[in-house]
Amino acid sequence: MATLPNPLPKLAADPSGSALGLRLPAGSLVDTTDEGPWREPLLWYADERALPGGWAALEPARRTGLLPVVLDVGDGHDGPDRWQLMPGEVSYPGDHDAEEVLAEYWEEYAAEGDAWPGPAGPFPHAQDPDAVAAGAADALLDGGGPLKDPRLALVPARRSADIPTAIGWTGPANHEGDTARLSAVLRSWEDRFGIRVVALGFDHLLVSVAAPPVTMADAEAVAAEHFAFCPDNVRQGADPTLRAYAEHQVLDQRVWHFWWD
């Protein structure tokens, strides 16, 4: 995968990040993969539980090539050094066409005879996607959400959609072995809906949405993409239909949550 220069090694000698113009809390660098130590750190994450406002404090890291994300190290899965990361097994997101990826997933998982409806949107958005992401992160860190033990993290990545691929995340392994294909879809959602990757757990992903659909027709079109991207989201719902999923999980929702079995 093509990458930018990685500034994380500088944190080994300067844990506070002052050389990068940062003021980081105590944290750890992770280079652990399923096949042994990686050639350089894949990410940094904080030792203590994240609190509202923490995301905004990491915003200056963007100018160094590091993007913020929240890692959920709870629910019995420990930290990312135990997640079986596989950065050597992923391709580059830009090498994949998002619509082709979604159409392939749809053909594999949809009922026989259900034609791929095609991509939704794009939808106009007046709000800044990064500001929406910061607000979504604060809401998630305020408690009561799906994150069990959230920690602030920094990942060297070109864009938010690439964060799962940059660390070789294997959460969707039972659905897709090359996370770059999912990042290609996330890139498309960045362009069409203003999404940002806000949180990653061992097997789940949350994105903020600057421009969610506001009509049922648009929500159902997006729901079809969600089904292709993560079939478990729909199939394991209380009402496993696209319309019910669109109404309750997509329509005017500022956070989309995906989970792979």
C-alpha atoms as a PDB file:
ATOM      1  CA  MET A   1       0.000   0.000   0.000  1.00  0.00           C
ATOM      2  CA  ALA A   2       1.326   3.469  -0.904  1.00  0.00           C
ATOM      3  CA  THR A   3       1.924   5.488   2.235  1.00  0.00           C
ATOM      4  CA  LEU A   4       3.128   8.906   3.326  1.00  0.00           C
ATOM      5  CA  PRO A   5       6.240   9.259   5.518  1.00  0.00           C
ATOM      6  CA  ASN A   6       5.379   7.904   8.953  1.00  0.00           C
ATOM      7  CA  PRO A   7       6.028  10.391  11.795  1.00  0.00           C
ATOM      8  CA  LEU A   8       5.231   7.864  14.537  1.00  0.00           C
ATOM      9  CA  PRO A   9       8.826   6.653  15.048  1.00  0.00           C
ATOM     10  CA  LYS A  10       9.640  10.123  16.408  1.00  0.00           C
ATOM     11  CA  LEU A  11       7.353   9.394  19.354  1.00  0.00           C
ATOM     12  CA  ALA A  12       9.634   6.580  20.522  1.00  0.00           C
ATOM     13  CA  ALA A  13      12.210   9.142  21.691  1.00  0.00           C
ATOM     14  CA  ASP A  14       9.680  11.925  22.298  1.00  0.00           C
ATOM     15  CA  PRO A  15       6.503  10.362  23.799  1.00  0.00           C
ATOM     16  CA  SER A  16       4.883  13.747  24.427  1.00  0.00           C
ATOM     17  CA  GLY A  17       4.987  14.555  20.711  1.00  0.00           C
ATOM     18  CA  SER A  18       6.550  17.977  21.309  1.00  0.00           C
ATOM     19  CA  ALA A  19       8.884  17.554  18.313  1.00  0.00           C
ATOM     20  CA  LEU A  20       5.750  17.222  16.173  1.00  0.00           C
ATOM     21  CA  GLY A  21       4.087  20.206  17.831  1.00  0.00           C
ATOM     22  CA  LEU A  22       1.782  17.987  19.888  1.00  0.00           C
ATOM     23  CA  ARG A  23       0.953  17.519  23.566  1.00  0.00           C
ATOM     24  CA  LEU A  24       0.081  13.851  23.889  1.00  0.00           C
ATOM     25  CA  PRO A  25      -1.022  11.998  27.007  1.00  0.00           C
ATOM     26  CA  ALA A  26       0.843   8.853  28.019  1.00  0.00           C
ATOM     27  CA  GLY A  27       0.426   6.217  25.366  1.00  0.00           C
ATOM     28  CA  SER A  28       1.900   3.321  23.437  1.00  0.00           C
ATOM     29  CA  LEU A  29       3.180   2.698  19.925  1.00  0.00           C
ATOM     30  CA  VAL A  30       1.952  -0.501  18.280  1.00  0.00           C
ATOM     31  CA  ASP A  31       3.948  -2.439  15.705  1.00  0.00           C
ATOM     32  CA  THR A  32       2.528  -5.874  16.557  1.00  0.00           C
ATOM     33  CA  THR A  33       1.030  -7.813  13.672  1.00  0.00           C
ATOM     34  CA  ASP A  34      -0.203 -11.360  13.152  1.00  0.00           C
ATOM     35  CA  GLU A  35       3.166 -12.188  11.594  1.00  0.00           C
ATOM     36  CA  GLY A  36       5.476 -10.450  14.066  1.00  0.00           C
ATOM     37  CA  PRO A  37       6.710  -6.853  14.514  1.00  0.00           C
ATOM     38  CA  TRP A  38       6.039  -4.485  11.620  1.00  0.00           C
ATOM     39  CA  ARG A  39       8.903  -2.442  10.192  1.00  0.00           C
ATOM     40  CA  GLU A  40       7.590   0.744  11.858  1.00  0.00           C
ATOM     41  CA  PRO A  41       4.787   1.680  14.269  1.00  0.00           C
ATOM     42  CA  LEU A  42       1.292   1.297  12.834  1.00  0.00           C
ATOM     43  CA  LEU A  43      -0.415   3.546  15.364  1.00  0.00           C
ATOM     44  CA  TRP A  44      -0.191   5.317  18.691  1.00  0.00           C
ATOM     45  CA  TYR A  45      -2.915   5.031  21.307  1.00  0.00           C
ATOM     46  CA  ALA A  46      -3.445   6.512  24.742  1.00  0.00           C
ATOM     47  CA  ASP A  47      -3.097   4.539  27.965  1.00  0.00           C
ATOM     48  CA  GLU A  48      -6.177   6.042  29.628  1.00  0.00           C
ATOM     49  CA  ARG A  49      -9.851   6.092  28.699  1.00  0.00           C
ATOM     50  CA  ALA A  50     -10.781   8.854  26.271  1.00  0.00           C
ATOM     51  CA  LEU A  51     -13.009  11.719  27.393  1.00  0.00           C
ATOM     52  CA  PRO A  52     -15.050  14.318  25.483  1.00  0.00           C
ATOM     53  CA  GLY A  53     -12.765  16.989  24.078  1.00  0.00           C
ATOM     54  CA  GLY A  54      -9.922  14.563  23.531  1.00  0.00           C
ATOM     55  CA  TRP A  55     -10.531  14.297  19.790  1.00  0.00           C
ATOM     56  CA  ALA A  56     -10.264  18.062  19.349  1.00  0.00           C
ATOM     57  CA  ALA A  57      -6.968  18.030  21.270  1.00  0.00           C
ATOM     58  CA  LEU A  58      -5.534  15.681  18.630  1.00  0.00           C
ATOM     59  CA  GLU A  59      -6.601  17.819  15.660  1.00  0.00           C
ATOM     60  CA  PRO A  60      -3.137  19.497  15.351  1.00  0.00           C
ATOM     61  CA  ALA A  61      -1.719  16.065  14.489  1.00  0.00           C
ATOM     62  CA  ARG A  62      -3.334  16.306  11.051  1.00  0.00           C
ATOM     63  CA  ARG A  63      -0.627  18.654   9.820  1.00  0.00           C
ATOM     64  CA  THR A  64       1.994  15.994  10.612  1.00  0.00           C
ATOM     65  CA  GLY A  65       0.195  13.298   8.591  1.00  0.00           C
ATOM     66  CA  LEU A  66      -1.490  11.634  11.570  1.00  0.00           C
ATOM     67  CA  LEU A  67      -5.263  11.260  11.735  1.00  0.00           C
ATOM     68  CA  PRO A  68      -7.286  10.833  14.937  1.00  0.00           C
ATOM     69  CA  VAL A  69      -9.482   7.822  15.584  1.00  0.00           C
ATOM     70  CA  VAL A  70     -10.984   6.243  18.698  1.00  0.00           C
ATOM     71  CA  LEU A  71     -10.080   2.619  19.429  1.00  0.00           C
ATOM     72  CA  ASP A  72     -12.426   0.463  21.502  1.00  0.00           C
ATOM     73  CA  VAL A  73     -10.200  -1.854  23.523  1.00  0.00           C
ATOM     74  CA  GLY A  74     -13.010  -3.213  25.703  1.00  0.00           C
ATOM     75  CA  ASP A  75     -15.498  -6.068  25.347  1.00  0.00           C
ATOM     76  CA  GLY A  76     -12.821  -8.692  26.032  1.00  0.00           C
ATOM     77  CA  HIS A  77     -10.702  -7.982  22.949  1.00  0.00           C
ATOM     78  CA  ASP A  78      -7.897  -5.960  24.580  1.00  0.00           C
ATOM     79  CA  GLY A  79      -5.825  -3.439  22.641  1.00  0.00           C
ATOM     80  CA  PRO A  80      -4.780  -3.349  18.996  1.00  0.00           C
ATOM     81  CA  ASP A  81      -1.604  -5.309  19.755  1.00  0.00           C
ATOM     82  CA  ARG A  82      -3.966  -8.290  20.200  1.00  0.00           C
ATOM     83  CA  TRP A  83      -6.129  -7.656  17.135  1.00  0.00           C
ATOM     84  CA  GLN A  84      -4.145  -9.778  14.654  1.00  0.00           C
ATOM     85  CA  LEU A  85      -3.382  -6.794  12.426  1.00  0.00           C
ATOM     86  CA  MET A  86      -2.153  -7.768   8.948  1.00  0.00           C
ATOM     87  CA  PRO A  87      -0.804  -4.680   7.134  1.00  0.00           C
ATOM     88  CA  GLY A  88       1.200  -6.843   4.753  1.00  0.00           C
ATOM     89  CA  GLU A  89      -1.964  -8.469   3.374  1.00  0.00           C
ATOM     90  CA  VAL A  90      -3.787  -5.352   2.185  1.00  0.00           C
ATOM     91  CA  SER A  91      -3.680  -3.595  -1.162  1.00  0.00           C
ATOM     92  CA  TYR A  92      -4.152   0.125  -1.888  1.00  0.00           C
ATOM     93  CA  PRO A  93      -7.707   1.571  -1.658  1.00  0.00           C
ATOM     94  CA  GLY A  94      -7.188   3.670  -4.775  1.00  0.00           C
ATOM     95  CA  ASP A  95      -6.747   0.498  -6.829  1.00  0.00           C
ATOM     96  CA  HIS A  96     -10.396  -0.476  -6.305  1.00  0.00           C
ATOM     97  CA  ASP A  97     -13.618   0.952  -7.714  1.00  0.00           C
ATOM     98  CA  ALA A  98     -16.161   1.387  -4.908  1.00  0.00           C
ATOM     99  CA  GLU A  99     -19.214   0.698  -7.056  1.00  0.00           C
ATOM    100  CA  GLU A 100     -17.680  -2.488  -8.438  1.00  0.00           C
ATOM    101  CA  VAL A 101     -16.816  -3.632  -4.919  1.00  0.00           C
ATOM    102  CA  LEU A 102     -20.363  -2.997  -3.666  1.00  0.00           C
ATOM    103  CA  ALA A 103     -21.911  -4.672  -6.706  1.00  0.00           C
ATOM    104  CA  GLU A 104     -19.763  -7.774  -6.130  1.00  0.00           C
ATOM    105  CA  TYR A 105     -20.786  -7.939  -2.473  1.00  0.00           C
ATOM    106  CA  TRP A 106     -24.441  -7.440  -3.404  1.00  0.00           C
ATOM    107  CA  GLU A 107     -24.333 -10.283  -5.907  1.00  0.00           C
ATOM    108  CA  GLU A 108     -22.827 -12.555  -3.271  1.00  0.00           C
ATOM    109  CA  TYR A 109     -25.144 -11.737  -0.377  1.00  0.00           C
ATOM    110  CA  ALA A 110     -28.465 -10.484  -1.793  1.00  0.00           C
ATOM    111  CA  ALA A 111     -31.379 -12.792  -2.523  1.00  0.00           C
ATOM    112  CA  GLU A 112     -31.340 -14.400  -5.936  1.00  0.00           C
ATOM    113  CA  GLY A 113     -33.014 -12.148  -8.469  1.00  0.00           C
ATOM    114  CA  ASP A 114     -32.513  -8.930  -6.491  1.00  0.00           C
ATOM    115  CA  ALA A 115     -30.640  -6.638  -8.862  1.00  0.00           C
ATOM    116  CA  TRP A 116     -27.962  -4.294  -7.547  1.00  0.00           C
ATOM    117  CA  PRO A 117     -29.737  -0.908  -7.328  1.00  0.00           C
ATOM    118  CA  GLY A 118     -26.582   1.123  -7.860  1.00  0.00           C
ATOM    119  CA  PRO A 119     -24.980   3.777  -5.664  1.00  0.00           C
ATOM    120  CA  ALA A 120     -26.928   6.420  -3.745  1.00  0.00           C
ATOM    121  CA  GLY A 121     -26.451  10.162  -3.616  1.00  0.00           C
ATOM    122  CA  PRO A 122     -24.355  12.204  -3.444  1.00  0.00           C
ATOM    123  CA  PHE A 123     -26.112  14.412  -0.904  1.00  0.00           C
ATOM    124  CA  PRO A 124     -25.166  18.059  -0.370  1.00  0.00           C
ATOM    125  CA  HIS A 125     -23.752  18.925   3.045  1.00  0.00           C
ATOM    126  CA  ALA A 126     -23.353  22.348   4.582  1.00  0.00           C
ATOM    127  CA  GLN A 127     -21.491  21.139   7.676  1.00  0.00           C
ATOM    128  CA  ASP A 128     -17.759  20.518   7.716  1.00  0.00           C
ATOM    129  CA  PRO A 129     -17.189  16.729   7.876  1.00  0.00           C
ATOM    130  CA  ASP A 130     -14.268  17.085  10.284  1.00  0.00           C
ATOM    131  CA  ALA A 131     -16.341  19.221  12.637  1.00  0.00           C
ATOM    132  CA  VAL A 132     -19.143  16.646  12.477  1.00  0.00           C
ATOM    133  CA  ALA A 133     -16.590  13.927  13.273  1.00  0.00           C
ATOM    134  CA  ALA A 134     -15.356  15.825  16.324  1.00  0.00           C
ATOM    135  CA  GLY A 135     -18.920  16.231  17.570  1.00  0.00           C
ATOM    136  CA  ALA A 136     -19.688  12.568  16.966  1.00  0.00           C
ATOM    137  CA  ALA A 137     -16.540  11.538  18.825  1.00  0.00           C
ATOM    138  CA  ASP A 138     -17.494  13.690  21.819  1.00  0.00           C
ATOM    139  CA  ALA A 139     -20.988  12.166  21.863  1.00  0.00           C
ATOM    140  CA  LEU A 140     -19.555   8.645  21.758  1.00  0.00           C
ATOM    141  CA  LEU A 141     -17.059   9.443  24.517  1.00  0.00           C
ATOM    142  CA  ASP A 142     -19.754  10.935  26.732  1.00  0.00           C
ATOM    143  CA  GLY A 143     -20.911   7.419  27.662  1.00  0.00           C
ATOM    144  CA  GLY A 144     -24.010   5.404  26.896  1.00  0.00           C
ATOM    145  CA  GLY A 145     -22.891   4.415  23.401  1.00  0.00           C
ATOM    146  CA  PRO A 146     -21.481   1.215  21.909  1.00  0.00           C
ATOM    147  CA  LEU A 147     -17.860   1.832  22.953  1.00  0.00           C
ATOM    148  CA  LYS A 148     -16.815  -0.169  26.018  1.00  0.00           C
ATOM    149  CA  ASP A 149     -13.316   1.214  26.658  1.00  0.00           C
ATOM    150  CA  PRO A 150     -12.456   3.977  24.165  1.00  0.00           C
ATOM    151  CA  ARG A 151      -8.897   5.224  23.725  1.00  0.00           C
ATOM    152  CA  LEU A 152      -7.685   8.089  21.554  1.00  0.00           C
ATOM    153  CA  ALA A 153      -5.340   7.031  18.767  1.00  0.00           C
ATOM    154  CA  LEU A 154      -3.321   8.449  15.878  1.00  0.00           C
ATOM    155  CA  VAL A 155      -2.765   6.656  12.559  1.00  0.00           C
ATOM    156  CA  PRO A 156      -0.556   7.706   9.629  1.00  0.00           C
ATOM    157  CA  ALA A 157      -3.006   7.781   6.721  1.00  0.00           C
ATOM    158  CA  ARG A 158      -3.734   9.853   3.632  1.00  0.00           C
ATOM    159  CA  ARG A 159      -7.430  10.222   4.462  1.00  0.00           C
ATOM    160  CA  SER A 160      -9.847   9.046   7.115  1.00  0.00           C
ATOM    161  CA  ALA A 161     -11.263   6.264   4.938  1.00  0.00           C
ATOM    162  CA  ASP A 162      -7.805   4.692   4.742  1.00  0.00           C
ATOM    163  CA  ILE A 163      -7.339   4.302   8.508  1.00  0.00           C
ATOM    164  CA  PRO A 164      -8.514   0.640   8.665  1.00  0.00           C
ATOM    165  CA  THR A 165      -6.235  -0.292   5.776  1.00  0.00           C
ATOM    166  CA  ALA A 166      -3.252   1.671   7.110  1.00  0.00           C
ATOM    167  CA  ILE A 167      -3.158  -0.484  10.242  1.00  0.00           C
ATOM    168  CA  GLY A 168      -4.057  -3.737   8.481  1.00  0.00           C
ATOM    169  CA  TRP A 169      -7.312  -4.036  10.434  1.00  0.00           C
ATOM    170  CA  THR A 170      -8.895  -7.511  10.192  1.00  0.00           C
ATOM    171  CA  GLY A 171     -12.269  -6.868  11.828  1.00  0.00           C
ATOM    172  CA  PRO A 172     -14.265  -7.783   8.690  1.00  0.00           C
ATOM    173  CA  ALA A 173     -12.109 -10.868   7.917  1.00  0.00           C
ATOM    174  CA  ASN A 174     -15.140 -13.173   7.628  1.00  0.00           C
ATOM    175  CA  HIS A 175     -16.586 -10.819   5.007  1.00  0.00           C
ATOM    176  CA  GLU A 176     -13.497  -9.419   3.262  1.00  0.00           C
ATOM    177  CA  GLY A 177      -9.836 -10.366   3.576  1.00  0.00           C
ATOM    178  CA  ASP A 178      -8.487  -7.206   1.909  1.00  0.00           C
ATOM    179  CA  THR A 179      -9.581  -4.224   3.986  1.00  0.00           C
ATOM    180  CA  ALA A 180      -8.503  -1.878   1.182  1.00  0.00           C
ATOM    181  CA  ARG A 181     -11.675  -2.846  -0.693  1.00  0.00           C
ATOM    182  CA  LEU A 182     -13.738  -1.595   2.237  1.00  0.00           C
ATOM    183  CA  SER A 183     -11.627   1.554   2.428  1.00  0.00           C
ATOM    184  CA  ALA A 184     -12.427   2.150  -1.250  1.00  0.00           C
ATOM    185  CA  VAL A 185     -16.115   2.195  -0.308  1.00  0.00           C
ATOM    186  CA  LEU A 186     -15.391   4.454   2.663  1.00  0.00           C
ATOM    187  CA  ARG A 187     -13.563   6.846   0.306  1.00  0.00           C
ATOM    188  CA  SER A 188     -16.666   6.973  -1.871  1.00  0.00           C
ATOM    189  CA  TRP A 189     -18.801   7.672   1.193  1.00  0.00           C
ATOM    190  CA  GLU A 190     -16.402  10.453   2.156  1.00  0.00           C
ATOM    191  CA  ASP A 191     -17.026  12.053  -1.218  1.00  0.00           C
ATOM    192  CA  ARG A 192     -20.790  11.499  -1.338  1.00  0.00           C
ATOM    193  CA  PHE A 193     -21.865  11.741   2.313  1.00  0.00           C
ATOM    194  CA  GLY A 194     -18.987  13.422   4.158  1.00  0.00           C
ATOM    195  CA  ILE A 195     -18.213  10.411   6.363  1.00  0.00           C
ATOM    196  CA  ARG A 196     -15.196  10.123   8.629  1.00  0.00           C
ATOM    197  CA  VAL A 197     -13.927   7.003  10.399  1.00  0.00           C
ATOM    198  CA  VAL A 198     -14.441   7.894  14.061  1.00  0.00           C
ATOM    199  CA  ALA A 199     -14.002   4.598  15.920  1.00  0.00           C
ATOM    200  CA  LEU A 200     -12.666   1.080  15.422  1.00  0.00           C
ATOM    201  CA  GLY A 201     -13.023  -1.954  17.645  1.00  0.00           C
ATOM    202  CA  PHE A 202     -11.859  -5.510  17.194  1.00  0.00           C
ATOM    203  CA  ASP A 203     -14.744  -6.220  14.824  1.00  0.00           C
ATOM    204  CA  HIS A 204     -16.776  -3.025  14.565  1.00  0.00           C
ATOM    205  CA  LEU A 205     -16.497   0.350  12.875  1.00  0.00           C
ATOM    206  CA  LEU A 206     -18.261   3.681  13.419  1.00  0.00           C
ATOM    207  CA  VAL A 207     -18.314   6.580  10.993  1.00  0.00           C
ATOM    208  CA  SER A 208     -19.686  10.097  11.346  1.00  0.00           C
ATOM    209  CA  VAL A 209     -21.917  11.390   8.552  1.00  0.00           C
ATOM    210  CA  ALA A 210     -22.044  15.039   7.520  1.00  0.00           C
ATOM    211  CA  ALA A 211     -24.755  14.472   4.890  1.00  0.00           C
ATOM    212  CA  PRO A 212     -27.094  11.611   5.852  1.00  0.00           C
ATOM    213  CA  PRO A 213     -30.135  10.890   3.672  1.00  0.00           C
ATOM    214  CA  VAL A 214     -33.251  12.766   4.760  1.00  0.00           C
ATOM    215  CA  THR A 215     -35.887  10.963   2.673  1.00  0.00           C
ATOM    216  CA  MET A 216     -36.904   7.312   2.860  1.00  0.00           C
ATOM    217  CA  ALA A 217     -36.115   6.780  -0.807  1.00  0.00           C
ATOM    218  CA  ASP A 218     -32.550   7.998  -0.312  1.00  0.00           C
ATOM    219  CA  ALA A 219     -32.227   6.118   2.979  1.00  0.00           C
ATOM    220  CA  GLU A 220     -33.241   2.863   1.303  1.00  0.00           C
ATOM    221  CA  ALA A 221     -30.680   3.453  -1.442  1.00  0.00           C
ATOM    222  CA  VAL A 222     -27.969   3.936   1.195  1.00  0.00           C
ATOM    223  CA  ALA A 223     -29.267   0.927   3.146  1.00  0.00           C
ATOM    224  CA  ALA A 224     -28.610  -1.248   0.090  1.00  0.00           C
ATOM    225  CA  GLU A 225     -24.983  -0.097   0.146  1.00  0.00           C
ATOM    226  CA  HIS A 226     -24.783  -0.828   3.872  1.00  0.00           C
ATOM    227  CA  PHE A 227     -26.107  -4.336   3.273  1.00  0.00           C
ATOM    228  CA  ALA A 228     -23.456  -4.986   0.648  1.00  0.00           C
ATOM    229  CA  PHE A 229     -20.744  -3.451   2.844  1.00  0.00           C
ATOM    230  CA  CYS A 230     -21.792  -5.277   6.031  1.00  0.00           C
ATOM    231  CA  PRO A 231     -24.609  -7.855   5.605  1.00  0.00           C
ATOM    232  CA  ASP A 232     -24.713  -8.623   9.350  1.00  0.00           C
ATOM    233  CA  ASN A 233     -25.974  -5.103  10.031  1.00  0.00           C
ATOM    234  CA  VAL A 234     -29.242  -5.919   8.293  1.00  0.00           C
ATOM    235  CA  ARG A 235     -29.525  -9.683   8.689  1.00  0.00           C
ATOM    236  CA  GLN A 236     -29.055  -9.628  12.460  1.00  0.00           C
ATOM    237  CA  GLY A 237     -31.446  -6.753  13.098  1.00  0.00           C
ATOM    238  CA  ALA A 238     -34.781  -7.126  14.891  1.00  0.00           C
ATOM    239  CA  ASP A 239     -36.515  -6.635  11.529  1.00  0.00           C
ATOM    240  CA  PRO A 240     -34.074  -7.906   8.881  1.00  0.00           C
ATOM    241  CA  THR A 241     -35.447  -5.851   5.984  1.00  0.00           C
ATOM    242  CA  LEU A 242     -33.770  -3.033   4.115  1.00  0.00           C
ATOM    243  CA  ARG A 243     -36.725  -0.723   4.701  1.00  0.00           C
ATOM    244  CA  ALA A 244     -36.677  -1.197   8.492  1.00  0.00           C
ATOM    245  CA  TYR A 245     -32.912  -0.791   8.562  1.00  0.00           C
ATOM    246  CA  ALA A 246     -33.136   2.339   6.408  1.00  0.00           C
ATOM    247  CA  GLU A 247     -35.763   3.878   8.687  1.00  0.00           C
ATOM    248  CA  HIS A 248     -34.043   3.187  11.996  1.00  0.00           C
ATOM    249  CA  GLN A 249     -30.314   3.095  11.219  1.00  0.00           C
ATOM    250  CA  VAL A 250     -29.787   5.330   8.177  1.00  0.00           C
ATOM    251  CA  LEU A 251     -32.460   8.017   7.841  1.00  0.00           C
ATOM    252  CA  ASP A 252     -31.053  11.318   9.169  1.00  0.00           C
ATOM    253  CA  GLN A 253     -28.480   9.429  11.287  1.00  0.00           C
ATOM    254  CA  ARG A 254     -25.177  11.211  11.985  1.00  0.00           C
ATOM    255  CA  VAL A 255     -23.342   8.011  12.976  1.00  0.00           C
ATOM    256  CA  TRP A 256     -23.337   4.694  11.121  1.00  0.00           C
ATOM    257  CA  HIS A 257     -22.231   1.610  13.046  1.00  0.00           C
ATOM    258  CA  PHE A 258     -21.023  -1.570  11.314  1.00  0.00           C
ATOM    259  CA  TRP A 259     -20.323  -4.923  12.924  1.00  0.00           C
ATOM    260  CA  TRP A 260     -19.042  -8.139  11.364  1.00  0.00           C
ATOM    261  CA  ASP A 261     -19.697 -11.550  12.894  1.00  0.00           C
END
